[in-house]
């Protein structure tokens, strides 16, 4: 598996934990520690998925996502799972991902993420 994921998270411990978990699943992971870094990477580098915290320094996750969409980029964006159900599909684009059910197998999760990542 060679999918590239951008993880935008300002809390270092959480960033490292999630990154380790994703790399353990076979994903390549790049990191951004604030909204400005996240926006810059999301708009200049190719990613299969962006995992985006909402409460970020310098530029919040909503502004990052809005800016990415205004540039016409269709990279799937997975916001903090606690807000996924309340975000408007217009803000996220057509590729809204529901929070992952803990009972799903790893294969099911990977399949669902990849299915939602490509048109």
Protein backbone atom coordinates (compact mmCIF):
# COMPACT_ATOMS: atom_id res chain seq x y z
CA UNK A 1 0.00 0.00 0.00
CA UNK A 2 1.41 3.40 -0.95
CA UNK A 3 -1.36 5.83 -0.06
CA UNK A 4 -0.15 9.20 1.21
CA UNK A 5 -1.91 10.77 4.15
CA UNK A 6 -1.43 14.28 5.52
CA UNK A 7 -2.14 14.47 9.25
CA UNK A 8 -2.75 18.02 10.45
CA UNK A 9 -2.70 17.95 14.26
CA UNK A 10 -1.14 20.43 16.69
CA UNK A 11 -0.81 18.08 19.67
CA UNK A 12 2.50 16.30 19.19
CA UNK A 13 1.66 13.20 21.25
CA UNK A 14 -1.57 12.66 19.32
CA UNK A 15 0.18 13.37 16.02
CA UNK A 16 2.84 10.76 16.76
CA UNK A 17 0.34 8.17 18.02
CA UNK A 18 -1.95 8.48 15.01
CA UNK A 19 1.03 8.61 12.65
CA UNK A 20 2.52 5.44 14.13
CA UNK A 21 -0.81 3.67 13.82
CA UNK A 22 -1.27 4.71 10.20
CA UNK A 23 2.28 3.74 9.25
CA UNK A 24 1.69 0.39 10.95
CA UNK A 25 -1.25 -0.07 8.59
CA UNK A 26 1.01 0.58 5.61
CA UNK A 27 0.26 4.24 4.86
CA UNK A 28 2.88 6.91 4.18
CA UNK A 29 2.24 9.79 6.56
CA UNK A 30 3.31 13.42 6.41
CA UNK A 31 2.61 15.84 9.26
CA UNK A 32 1.66 19.46 9.78
CA UNK A 33 1.57 21.01 13.25
CA UNK A 34 -0.63 24.04 12.52
CA UNK A 35 -3.20 25.32 10.05
CA UNK A 36 -0.76 27.28 7.91
CA UNK A 37 1.56 24.27 7.46
CA UNK A 38 -1.45 22.06 6.77
CA UNK A 39 -2.82 24.39 4.12
CA UNK A 40 0.57 24.78 2.45
CA UNK A 41 1.18 21.02 2.28
CA UNK A 42 -2.41 20.17 1.27
CA UNK A 43 -2.27 22.62 -1.63
CA UNK A 44 1.26 21.93 -2.91
CA UNK A 45 1.81 18.20 -2.36
CA UNK A 46 -0.23 15.20 -3.54
CA UNK A 47 -2.13 13.30 -0.85
CA UNK A 48 -4.76 10.57 -1.03
CA UNK A 49 -6.34 11.79 2.22
CA UNK A 50 -6.01 14.68 4.66
CA UNK A 51 -6.89 14.07 8.32
CA UNK A 52 -7.59 17.50 9.73
CA UNK A 53 -7.94 18.69 13.32
CA UNK A 54 -10.33 21.60 13.74
CA UNK A 55 -8.75 23.54 16.61
CA UNK A 56 -5.38 24.51 15.12
CA UNK A 57 -2.99 27.44 15.65
CA UNK A 58 -2.86 30.23 13.02
CA UNK A 59 -5.64 28.85 10.81
CA UNK A 60 -8.42 26.57 12.03
CA UNK A 61 -9.42 23.38 10.26
CA UNK A 62 -12.55 24.92 8.77
CA UNK A 63 -10.49 27.65 7.12
CA UNK A 64 -7.93 25.13 5.87
CA UNK A 65 -10.63 22.99 4.31
CA UNK A 66 -12.46 25.98 2.85
CA UNK A 67 -9.21 27.23 1.27
CA UNK A 68 -8.41 23.81 -0.20
CA UNK A 69 -11.90 23.57 -1.71
CA UNK A 70 -11.79 27.14 -3.06
CA UNK A 71 -8.67 26.20 -4.99
CA UNK A 72 -10.67 23.42 -6.63
CA UNK A 73 -8.77 20.56 -5.01
CA UNK A 74 -10.81 17.42 -4.43
CA UNK A 75 -8.50 15.65 -1.99
CA UNK A 76 -10.69 13.81 0.52
CA UNK A 77 -10.62 15.46 3.95
CA UNK A 78 -11.46 13.62 7.14
CA UNK A 79 -12.15 16.08 9.94
CA UNK A 80 -11.92 15.27 13.62
CA UNK A 81 -14.33 12.32 13.94
CA UNK A 82 -16.30 14.04 16.72
CA UNK A 83 -17.59 16.65 14.24
CA UNK A 84 -17.94 14.52 11.11
CA UNK A 85 -21.70 14.04 11.39
CA UNK A 86 -22.38 17.75 11.94
CA UNK A 87 -20.26 19.20 9.13
CA UNK A 88 -22.06 20.24 6.01
CA UNK A 89 -21.34 18.09 2.98
CA UNK A 90 -20.83 21.31 1.00
CA UNK A 91 -17.91 22.22 3.29
CA UNK A 92 -16.31 18.81 2.90
CA UNK A 93 -17.23 18.16 -0.70
CA UNK A 94 -18.97 14.99 -1.79
CA UNK A 95 -16.58 12.66 0.00
CA UNK A 96 -17.92 12.75 3.57
CA UNK A 97 -16.59 9.94 5.73
CA UNK A 98 -18.58 8.77 8.72
CA UNK A 99 -16.69 8.06 11.94
CA UNK A 100 -15.26 4.57 11.86
CA UNK A 101 -17.10 1.94 13.86
CA UNK A 102 -14.68 0.27 16.27
CA UNK A 103 -16.19 -3.12 15.37
CA UNK A 104 -15.10 -2.84 11.74
CA UNK A 105 -12.14 -4.91 10.75
CA UNK A 106 -8.99 -3.13 9.58
CA UNK A 107 -9.67 -4.39 6.06
CA UNK A 108 -13.19 -2.91 6.12
CA UNK A 109 -11.86 0.46 7.32
CA UNK A 110 -9.11 0.55 4.68
CA UNK A 111 -11.58 -0.40 1.96
CA UNK A 112 -14.05 2.29 3.05
CA UNK A 113 -11.36 5.00 3.22
CA UNK A 114 -9.98 4.06 -0.19
CA UNK A 115 -13.46 3.79 -1.74
CA UNK A 116 -14.25 7.30 -0.50
CA UNK A 117 -10.86 8.60 -1.61
CA UNK A 118 -11.32 8.04 -5.31
CA UNK A 119 -14.15 9.21 -7.58
